[in-house]
Each structure stands twice: as structure tokens, then as C-alpha cells.
Amino acid sequence: MPLVVAGEGQDKAVTNAIVQWSGVGLSIGDRSPGLEKIREGVELVLENSSYKVKADKMRRNIARYDVGAVVDGVIQNIVHEWASKRR
């Protein structure tokens, strides 16, 4: 599903930049865009098939991973590195 994102604070600026850069959606680039800007963004995303194509490609790439195993591996590596430094 292509995205239309906006807002600031927390990780929104980074997330919005990644959405825009990857082409899976559109960053409105406004802290509080309002109904009209949101409508324009949604219409643009729905009219431009490249957003859907890139979002679908991203979906297929993500589906190849066992997210639980990836997260578990990252956590195990962090704990192992931390433990080795404490010795």
C-alpha cells in the first residue's frame, strides 16, 4: 500500500524522508497538513502508479525475511558483544 506521510517529532522526519526516498509513498512535508493537502497527496499517489509498483516491490522484499529471526539475531549479537566487553 503506498503511503502519504506528514508530521514532525519522534522519528517522523526520518521515516517521512525514507518513504519519499524509497518511492513507496509521498511525504507532504508539513507538520500539520490539513485535509486539502492530505487529499492532494492521496490523489497524487493514487494517480501515479510508480508508488504502487515500488510499494509492492518493498512488500515482496520484506516478505522474504523472517522478522522474528532477524530481530532475535540482532539482539543476540548485541548481548554477546556486551558480554564479551565485560570480561
C-alpha atoms as a PDB file:
ATOM      1  CA  MET A   1       0.000   0.000   0.000  1.00  0.00           C
ATOM      2  CA  PRO A   2       1.585   3.312  -0.993  1.00  0.00           C
ATOM      3  CA  LEU A   3       1.856   5.844   1.811  1.00  0.00           C
ATOM      4  CA  VAL A   4       1.108   9.520   2.304  1.00  0.00           C
ATOM      5  CA  VAL A   5       3.008  10.761   5.339  1.00  0.00           C
ATOM      6  CA  ALA A   6       3.409  14.017   7.239  1.00  0.00           C
ATOM      7  CA  GLY A   7       4.254  15.352  10.653  1.00  0.00           C
ATOM      8  CA  GLU A   8       7.320  16.054  12.749  1.00  0.00           C
ATOM      9  CA  GLY A   9       8.648  14.894  16.071  1.00  0.00           C
ATOM     10  CA  GLN A  10       9.746  11.475  17.285  1.00  0.00           C
ATOM     11  CA  ASP A  11      11.049   9.634  14.210  1.00  0.00           C
ATOM     12  CA  LYS A  12       8.590  11.147  11.746  1.00  0.00           C
ATOM     13  CA  ALA A  13      11.110  13.298   9.866  1.00  0.00           C
ATOM     14  CA  VAL A  14      13.388  10.312   9.250  1.00  0.00           C
ATOM     15  CA  THR A  15      10.501   7.980   8.415  1.00  0.00           C
ATOM     16  CA  ASN A  16       8.979  10.529   6.045  1.00  0.00           C
ATOM     17  CA  ALA A  17      12.331  11.018   4.304  1.00  0.00           C
ATOM     18  CA  ILE A  18      12.732   7.246   3.858  1.00  0.00           C
ATOM     19  CA  VAL A  19       9.202   6.926   2.454  1.00  0.00           C
ATOM     20  CA  GLN A  20       9.900   9.720  -0.040  1.00  0.00           C
ATOM     21  CA  TRP A  21      13.409   8.480  -0.936  1.00  0.00           C
ATOM     22  CA  SER A  22      12.327   4.864  -1.446  1.00  0.00           C
ATOM     23  CA  GLY A  23       9.398   5.887  -3.634  1.00  0.00           C
ATOM     24  CA  VAL A  24       6.864   3.822  -1.667  1.00  0.00           C
ATOM     25  CA  GLY A  25       4.921   6.964  -0.887  1.00  0.00           C
ATOM     26  CA  LEU A  26       4.782  10.719  -0.674  1.00  0.00           C
ATOM     27  CA  SER A  27       5.905  12.956   2.168  1.00  0.00           C
ATOM     28  CA  ILE A  28       3.697  16.014   2.360  1.00  0.00           C
ATOM     29  CA  GLY A  29       6.430  17.778   4.328  1.00  0.00           C
ATOM     30  CA  ASP A  30       4.157  19.638   6.688  1.00  0.00           C
ATOM     31  CA  ARG A  31       3.780  19.368  10.464  1.00  0.00           C
ATOM     32  CA  SER A  32       0.000  19.642  10.284  1.00  0.00           C
ATOM     33  CA  PRO A  33      -1.017  19.429   6.614  1.00  0.00           C
ATOM     34  CA  GLY A  34      -4.783  19.747   6.833  1.00  0.00           C
ATOM     35  CA  LEU A  35      -7.453  17.989   4.828  1.00  0.00           C
ATOM     36  CA  GLU A  36      -6.757  19.618   1.452  1.00  0.00           C
ATOM     37  CA  LYS A  37      -3.030  18.790   1.408  1.00  0.00           C
ATOM     38  CA  ILE A  38      -3.778  15.233   2.526  1.00  0.00           C
ATOM     39  CA  ARG A  39      -6.400  14.888  -0.218  1.00  0.00           C
ATOM     40  CA  GLU A  40      -3.948  16.202  -2.828  1.00  0.00           C
ATOM     41  CA  GLY A  41      -1.277  13.790  -1.610  1.00  0.00           C
ATOM     42  CA  VAL A  42      -3.605  10.797  -1.710  1.00  0.00           C
ATOM     43  CA  GLU A  43      -4.843  11.723  -5.187  1.00  0.00           C
ATOM     44  CA  LEU A  44      -1.272  12.072  -6.431  1.00  0.00           C
ATOM     45  CA  VAL A  45      -0.284   8.683  -5.004  1.00  0.00           C
ATOM     46  CA  LEU A  46      -3.374   7.005  -6.477  1.00  0.00           C
ATOM     47  CA  GLU A  47      -2.863   8.595  -9.917  1.00  0.00           C
ATOM     48  CA  ASN A  48       0.856   7.773 -10.156  1.00  0.00           C
ATOM     49  CA  SER A  49       1.289   4.002 -10.465  1.00  0.00           C
ATOM     50  CA  SER A  50       5.008   4.162  -9.631  1.00  0.00           C
ATOM     51  CA  TYR A  51       4.145   4.460  -5.925  1.00  0.00           C
ATOM     52  CA  LYS A  52       2.123   1.245  -6.056  1.00  0.00           C
ATOM     53  CA  VAL A  53       4.822  -0.571  -8.024  1.00  0.00           C
ATOM     54  CA  LYS A  54       7.543   0.427  -5.547  1.00  0.00           C
ATOM     55  CA  ALA A  55       5.366  -0.351  -2.519  1.00  0.00           C
ATOM     56  CA  ASP A  56       4.624  -3.804  -3.927  1.00  0.00           C
ATOM     57  CA  LYS A  57       8.318  -4.405  -4.596  1.00  0.00           C
ATOM     58  CA  MET A  58       9.075  -3.397  -0.987  1.00  0.00           C
ATOM     59  CA  ARG A  59       6.341  -5.762   0.251  1.00  0.00           C
ATOM     60  CA  ARG A  60       7.872  -8.659  -1.679  1.00  0.00           C
ATOM     61  CA  ASN A  61      11.348  -7.882  -0.345  1.00  0.00           C
ATOM     62  CA  ILE A  62      10.137  -7.723   3.247  1.00  0.00           C
ATOM     63  CA  ALA A  63       8.167 -10.972   2.847  1.00  0.00           C
ATOM     64  CA  ARG A  64      11.434 -12.828   2.181  1.00  0.00           C
ATOM     65  CA  TYR A  65      12.588 -12.273   5.770  1.00  0.00           C
ATOM     66  CA  ASP A  66      11.600 -13.967   8.996  1.00  0.00           C
ATOM     67  CA  VAL A  67      11.409 -10.749  11.013  1.00  0.00           C
ATOM     68  CA  GLY A  68      11.403 -12.605  14.339  1.00  0.00           C
ATOM     69  CA  ALA A  69      14.624 -14.419  13.435  1.00  0.00           C
ATOM     70  CA  VAL A  70      16.270 -11.198  12.252  1.00  0.00           C
ATOM     71  CA  VAL A  71      15.367  -9.320  15.444  1.00  0.00           C
ATOM     72  CA  ASP A  72      16.421 -12.290  17.584  1.00  0.00           C
ATOM     73  CA  GLY A  73      19.785 -12.412  15.801  1.00  0.00           C
ATOM     74  CA  VAL A  74      20.382  -8.691  16.294  1.00  0.00           C
ATOM     75  CA  ILE A  75      19.550  -8.917  19.996  1.00  0.00           C
ATOM     76  CA  GLN A  76      21.764 -11.973  20.456  1.00  0.00           C
ATOM     77  CA  ASN A  77      24.682 -10.195  18.741  1.00  0.00           C
ATOM     78  CA  ILE A  78      24.263  -7.115  20.923  1.00  0.00           C
ATOM     79  CA  VAL A  79      24.139  -9.201  24.112  1.00  0.00           C
ATOM     80  CA  HIS A  80      27.150 -11.253  23.004  1.00  0.00           C
ATOM     81  CA  GLU A  81      29.195  -8.105  22.250  1.00  0.00           C
ATOM     82  CA  TRP A  82      28.157  -6.533  25.547  1.00  0.00           C
ATOM     83  CA  ALA A  83      29.066  -9.697  27.486  1.00  0.00           C
ATOM     84  CA  SER A  84      32.453 -10.016  25.774  1.00  0.00           C
ATOM     85  CA  LYS A  85      33.361  -6.446  26.746  1.00  0.00           C
ATOM     86  CA  ARG A  86      32.512  -7.086  30.393  1.00  0.00           C
ATOM     87  CA  ARG A  87      35.030  -9.918  30.704  1.00  0.00           C
END
